[in-house]
Amino acid sequence: MGFGGSAAAMITSLKNNKRTRVSTFKKMKDFKEGKNIQVSFSKKSTPAQLKRIREKLQSENRKRLRRFAIISTCLLIIVIYVIGFVEF
């Protein structure tokens, strides 16, 4: 019978899928939360620095939105042109 190797691949796949898996619920049950874990930051930022960061992010987002709007509009115009005026 010439299966072309597909049967062998199927059997191998079935053998690999037989392995035992640890349940996610068992992982969560065995999870121990550390009590000594603390996050601390040694550097503090001033309100002026925070304001500068906020303004920079807002300007970057505006530029990204403007670029996306221009590209989307151009693509929409091209699609409308292709659908309406090009004969297939």
N, C-alpha and C. Protein backbone atom coordinates (compact mmCIF):
# COMPACT_ATOMS: atom_id res chain seq x y z
N MET A 1 0.85 -1.18 0.00
CA MET A 1 0.00 0.00 0.00
C MET A 1 0.89 1.24 0.00
N GLY A 2 0.69 2.09 -0.94
CA GLY A 2 1.52 3.29 -1.03
C GLY A 2 0.84 4.50 -0.42
N PHE A 3 1.10 4.71 0.85
CA PHE A 3 0.52 5.89 1.51
C PHE A 3 1.39 7.12 1.33
N GLY A 4 2.61 6.95 0.87
CA GLY A 4 3.48 8.09 0.63
C GLY A 4 4.00 8.73 1.90
N GLY A 5 4.04 8.01 2.98
CA GLY A 5 4.57 8.57 4.22
C GLY A 5 3.55 9.30 5.06
N SER A 6 2.38 9.54 4.52
CA SER A 6 1.37 10.28 5.28
C SER A 6 0.85 9.45 6.45
N ALA A 7 0.77 8.14 6.27
CA ALA A 7 0.30 7.28 7.37
C ALA A 7 1.33 7.27 8.49
N ALA A 8 2.62 7.23 8.13
CA ALA A 8 3.67 7.25 9.15
C ALA A 8 3.64 8.57 9.92
N ALA A 9 3.41 9.65 9.21
CA ALA A 9 3.33 10.95 9.87
C ALA A 9 2.13 11.00 10.79
N MET A 10 1.03 10.43 10.37
CA MET A 10 -0.17 10.41 11.20
C MET A 10 0.07 9.60 12.47
N ILE A 11 0.69 8.44 12.33
CA ILE A 11 0.98 7.59 13.50
C ILE A 11 1.92 8.30 14.46
N THR A 12 2.94 8.96 13.94
CA THR A 12 3.88 9.70 14.78
C THR A 12 3.16 10.82 15.51
N SER A 13 2.29 11.51 14.81
CA SER A 13 1.54 12.61 15.43
C SER A 13 0.66 12.08 16.56
N LEU A 14 0.00 10.96 16.33
CA LEU A 14 -0.85 10.38 17.37
C LEU A 14 -0.04 9.94 18.59
N LYS A 15 1.14 9.38 18.36
CA LYS A 15 2.01 8.97 19.47
C LYS A 15 2.46 10.18 20.27
N ASN A 16 2.81 11.26 19.58
CA ASN A 16 3.27 12.46 20.28
C ASN A 16 2.14 13.11 21.07
N ASN A 17 0.93 12.98 20.61
CA ASN A 17 -0.21 13.59 21.30
C ASN A 17 -0.64 12.79 22.52
N LYS A 18 -0.12 11.57 22.69
CA LYS A 18 -0.51 10.73 23.82
C LYS A 18 0.15 11.15 25.13
N ARG A 19 1.16 12.01 25.06
CA ARG A 19 1.90 12.35 26.28
C ARG A 19 0.97 13.00 27.30
N THR A 20 1.32 12.83 28.57
CA THR A 20 0.49 13.41 29.64
C THR A 20 0.76 14.90 29.74
N ARG A 21 -0.28 15.64 29.95
CA ARG A 21 -0.16 17.09 30.06
C ARG A 21 -0.59 17.52 31.45
N VAL A 22 0.08 18.53 31.96
CA VAL A 22 -0.28 19.07 33.26
C VAL A 22 -1.42 20.05 33.06
N SER A 23 -2.46 19.89 33.84
CA SER A 23 -3.63 20.75 33.73
C SER A 23 -3.29 22.16 34.19
N THR A 24 -3.93 23.14 33.58
CA THR A 24 -3.73 24.52 33.97
C THR A 24 -4.24 24.75 35.39
N PHE A 25 -5.33 24.09 35.74
CA PHE A 25 -5.86 24.25 37.09
C PHE A 25 -4.89 23.69 38.13
N LYS A 26 -4.21 22.60 37.78
CA LYS A 26 -3.22 22.04 38.70
C LYS A 26 -2.04 23.00 38.85
N LYS A 27 -1.64 23.64 37.76
CA LYS A 27 -0.56 24.61 37.83
C LYS A 27 -0.95 25.77 38.74
N MET A 28 -2.20 26.24 38.59
CA MET A 28 -2.65 27.36 39.41
C MET A 28 -2.74 26.96 40.88
N LYS A 29 -3.14 25.73 41.15
CA LYS A 29 -3.27 25.27 42.53
C LYS A 29 -1.90 25.19 43.19
N ASP A 30 -0.89 24.77 42.44
CA ASP A 30 0.45 24.61 43.00
C ASP A 30 1.24 25.91 43.02
N PHE A 31 0.70 26.97 42.47
CA PHE A 31 1.42 28.23 42.40
C PHE A 31 1.50 28.87 43.78
N LYS A 32 2.71 29.16 44.19
CA LYS A 32 2.94 29.82 45.48
C LYS A 32 3.33 31.27 45.22
N GLU A 33 2.61 32.15 45.83
CA GLU A 33 2.88 33.56 45.62
C GLU A 33 3.94 34.01 46.62
N GLY A 34 4.99 34.64 46.10
CA GLY A 34 6.07 35.11 46.97
C GLY A 34 5.64 36.32 47.77
N LYS A 35 5.96 36.32 49.05
CA LYS A 35 5.57 37.43 49.91
C LYS A 35 6.64 38.51 49.97
N ASN A 36 7.86 38.20 49.55
CA ASN A 36 8.95 39.16 49.64
C ASN A 36 9.21 39.89 48.33
N ILE A 37 8.34 39.72 47.36
CA ILE A 37 8.53 40.38 46.07
C ILE A 37 7.94 41.78 46.15
N GLN A 38 8.80 42.77 45.97
CA GLN A 38 8.35 44.16 45.98
C GLN A 38 8.99 44.88 44.80
N VAL A 39 8.21 45.71 44.16
CA VAL A 39 8.71 46.50 43.05
C VAL A 39 8.99 47.90 43.57
N SER A 40 10.20 48.38 43.31
CA SER A 40 10.54 49.73 43.75
C SER A 40 11.34 50.43 42.66
N PHE A 41 11.12 51.71 42.56
CA PHE A 41 11.82 52.54 41.60
C PHE A 41 12.65 53.56 42.37
N SER A 42 13.92 53.63 42.02
CA SER A 42 14.79 54.55 42.75
C SER A 42 14.70 55.96 42.17
N LYS A 43 14.38 56.08 40.90
CA LYS A 43 14.30 57.40 40.27
C LYS A 43 12.87 57.90 40.28
N LYS A 44 12.69 59.16 40.57
CA LYS A 44 11.38 59.79 40.55
C LYS A 44 11.34 60.79 39.40
N SER A 45 10.19 60.94 38.80
CA SER A 45 10.05 61.91 37.73
C SER A 45 9.27 63.11 38.24
N THR A 46 9.60 64.25 37.70
CA THR A 46 8.94 65.48 38.10
C THR A 46 7.67 65.65 37.27
N PRO A 47 6.74 66.46 37.73
CA PRO A 47 5.53 66.72 36.94
C PRO A 47 5.84 67.32 35.57
N ALA A 48 6.91 68.11 35.48
CA ALA A 48 7.29 68.69 34.19
C ALA A 48 7.73 67.61 33.22
N GLN A 49 8.50 66.63 33.70
CA GLN A 49 8.93 65.53 32.84
C GLN A 49 7.73 64.71 32.38
N LEU A 50 6.80 64.45 33.29
CA LEU A 50 5.61 63.69 32.93
C LEU A 50 4.79 64.43 31.88
N LYS A 51 4.69 65.75 32.03
CA LYS A 51 3.95 66.55 31.06
C LYS A 51 4.61 66.50 29.69
N ARG A 52 5.96 66.58 29.66
CA ARG A 52 6.69 66.50 28.40
C ARG A 52 6.48 65.15 27.72
N ILE A 53 6.53 64.08 28.51
CA ILE A 53 6.33 62.73 27.97
C ILE A 53 4.92 62.60 27.41
N ARG A 54 3.93 63.11 28.16
CA ARG A 54 2.53 63.03 27.71
C ARG A 54 2.34 63.79 26.39
N GLU A 55 2.90 65.00 26.30
CA GLU A 55 2.77 65.79 25.08
C GLU A 55 3.46 65.11 23.90
N LYS A 56 4.62 64.50 24.15
CA LYS A 56 5.34 63.80 23.08
C LYS A 56 4.53 62.62 22.57
N LEU A 57 3.96 61.84 23.48
CA LEU A 57 3.15 60.69 23.07
C LEU A 57 1.91 61.13 22.31
N GLN A 58 1.28 62.20 22.75
CA GLN A 58 0.09 62.69 22.06
C GLN A 58 0.43 63.17 20.64
N SER A 59 1.57 63.85 20.49
CA SER A 59 1.95 64.33 19.15
C SER A 59 2.30 63.15 18.25
N GLU A 60 2.97 62.12 18.78
CA GLU A 60 3.29 60.93 17.99
C GLU A 60 2.00 60.22 17.55
N ASN A 61 1.04 60.13 18.46
CA ASN A 61 -0.23 59.48 18.12
C ASN A 61 -0.99 60.26 17.06
N ARG A 62 -0.95 61.60 17.13
CA ARG A 62 -1.60 62.42 16.12
C ARG A 62 -0.96 62.20 14.75
N LYS A 63 0.39 62.16 14.71
CA LYS A 63 1.09 61.93 13.45
C LYS A 63 0.74 60.56 12.87
N ARG A 64 0.70 59.55 13.74
CA ARG A 64 0.40 58.20 13.28
C ARG A 64 -1.03 58.13 12.74
N LEU A 65 -1.98 58.76 13.43
CA LEU A 65 -3.37 58.77 12.98
C LEU A 65 -3.51 59.49 11.64
N ARG A 66 -2.82 60.62 11.50
CA ARG A 66 -2.88 61.39 10.26
C ARG A 66 -2.31 60.56 9.10
N ARG A 67 -1.19 59.90 9.32
CA ARG A 67 -0.57 59.07 8.29
C ARG A 67 -1.50 57.91 7.90
N PHE A 68 -2.11 57.29 8.90
CA PHE A 68 -3.04 56.18 8.64
C PHE A 68 -4.25 56.66 7.85
N ALA A 69 -4.77 57.84 8.18
CA ALA A 69 -5.93 58.38 7.48
C ALA A 69 -5.60 58.68 6.03
N ILE A 70 -4.42 59.24 5.77
CA ILE A 70 -4.02 59.57 4.40
C ILE A 70 -3.85 58.31 3.58
N ILE A 71 -3.18 57.31 4.14
CA ILE A 71 -2.96 56.06 3.41
C ILE A 71 -4.28 55.35 3.15
N SER A 72 -5.16 55.32 4.15
CA SER A 72 -6.45 54.66 3.98
C SER A 72 -7.29 55.36 2.91
N THR A 73 -7.28 56.67 2.90
CA THR A 73 -8.04 57.43 1.91
C THR A 73 -7.51 57.15 0.50
N CYS A 74 -6.19 57.15 0.36
CA CYS A 74 -5.60 56.87 -0.96
C CYS A 74 -5.97 55.46 -1.43
N LEU A 75 -5.87 54.49 -0.54
CA LEU A 75 -6.22 53.12 -0.92
C LEU A 75 -7.69 52.99 -1.27
N LEU A 76 -8.54 53.69 -0.54
CA LEU A 76 -9.98 53.65 -0.82
C LEU A 76 -10.27 54.25 -2.19
N ILE A 77 -9.61 55.35 -2.50
CA ILE A 77 -9.81 55.98 -3.82
C ILE A 77 -9.34 55.04 -4.93
N ILE A 78 -8.21 54.39 -4.73
CA ILE A 78 -7.70 53.45 -5.74
C ILE A 78 -8.65 52.27 -5.92
N VAL A 79 -9.17 51.73 -4.82
CA VAL A 79 -10.10 50.60 -4.90
C VAL A 79 -11.38 51.01 -5.62
N ILE A 80 -11.91 52.19 -5.29
CA ILE A 80 -13.12 52.67 -5.96
C ILE A 80 -12.86 52.85 -7.46
N TYR A 81 -11.70 53.38 -7.81
CA TYR A 81 -11.35 53.57 -9.23
C TYR A 81 -11.29 52.22 -9.94
N VAL A 82 -10.62 51.25 -9.30
CA VAL A 82 -10.45 49.93 -9.93
C VAL A 82 -11.80 49.26 -10.09
N ILE A 83 -12.66 49.33 -9.08
CA ILE A 83 -13.96 48.67 -9.15
C ILE A 83 -14.86 49.37 -10.18
N GLY A 84 -14.82 50.69 -10.23
CA GLY A 84 -15.76 51.43 -11.08
C GLY A 84 -15.35 51.62 -12.51
N PHE A 85 -14.07 51.80 -12.77
CA PHE A 85 -13.68 52.26 -14.11
C PHE A 85 -12.84 51.26 -14.90
N VAL A 86 -12.25 50.31 -14.26
CA VAL A 86 -11.42 49.35 -14.98
C VAL A 86 -12.30 48.22 -15.45
N GLU A 87 -12.19 47.90 -16.74
CA GLU A 87 -12.99 46.82 -17.28
C GLU A 87 -12.16 45.54 -17.25
N PHE A 88 -12.79 44.50 -16.81
CA PHE A 88 -12.10 43.22 -16.69
C PHE A 88 -12.28 42.38 -17.91
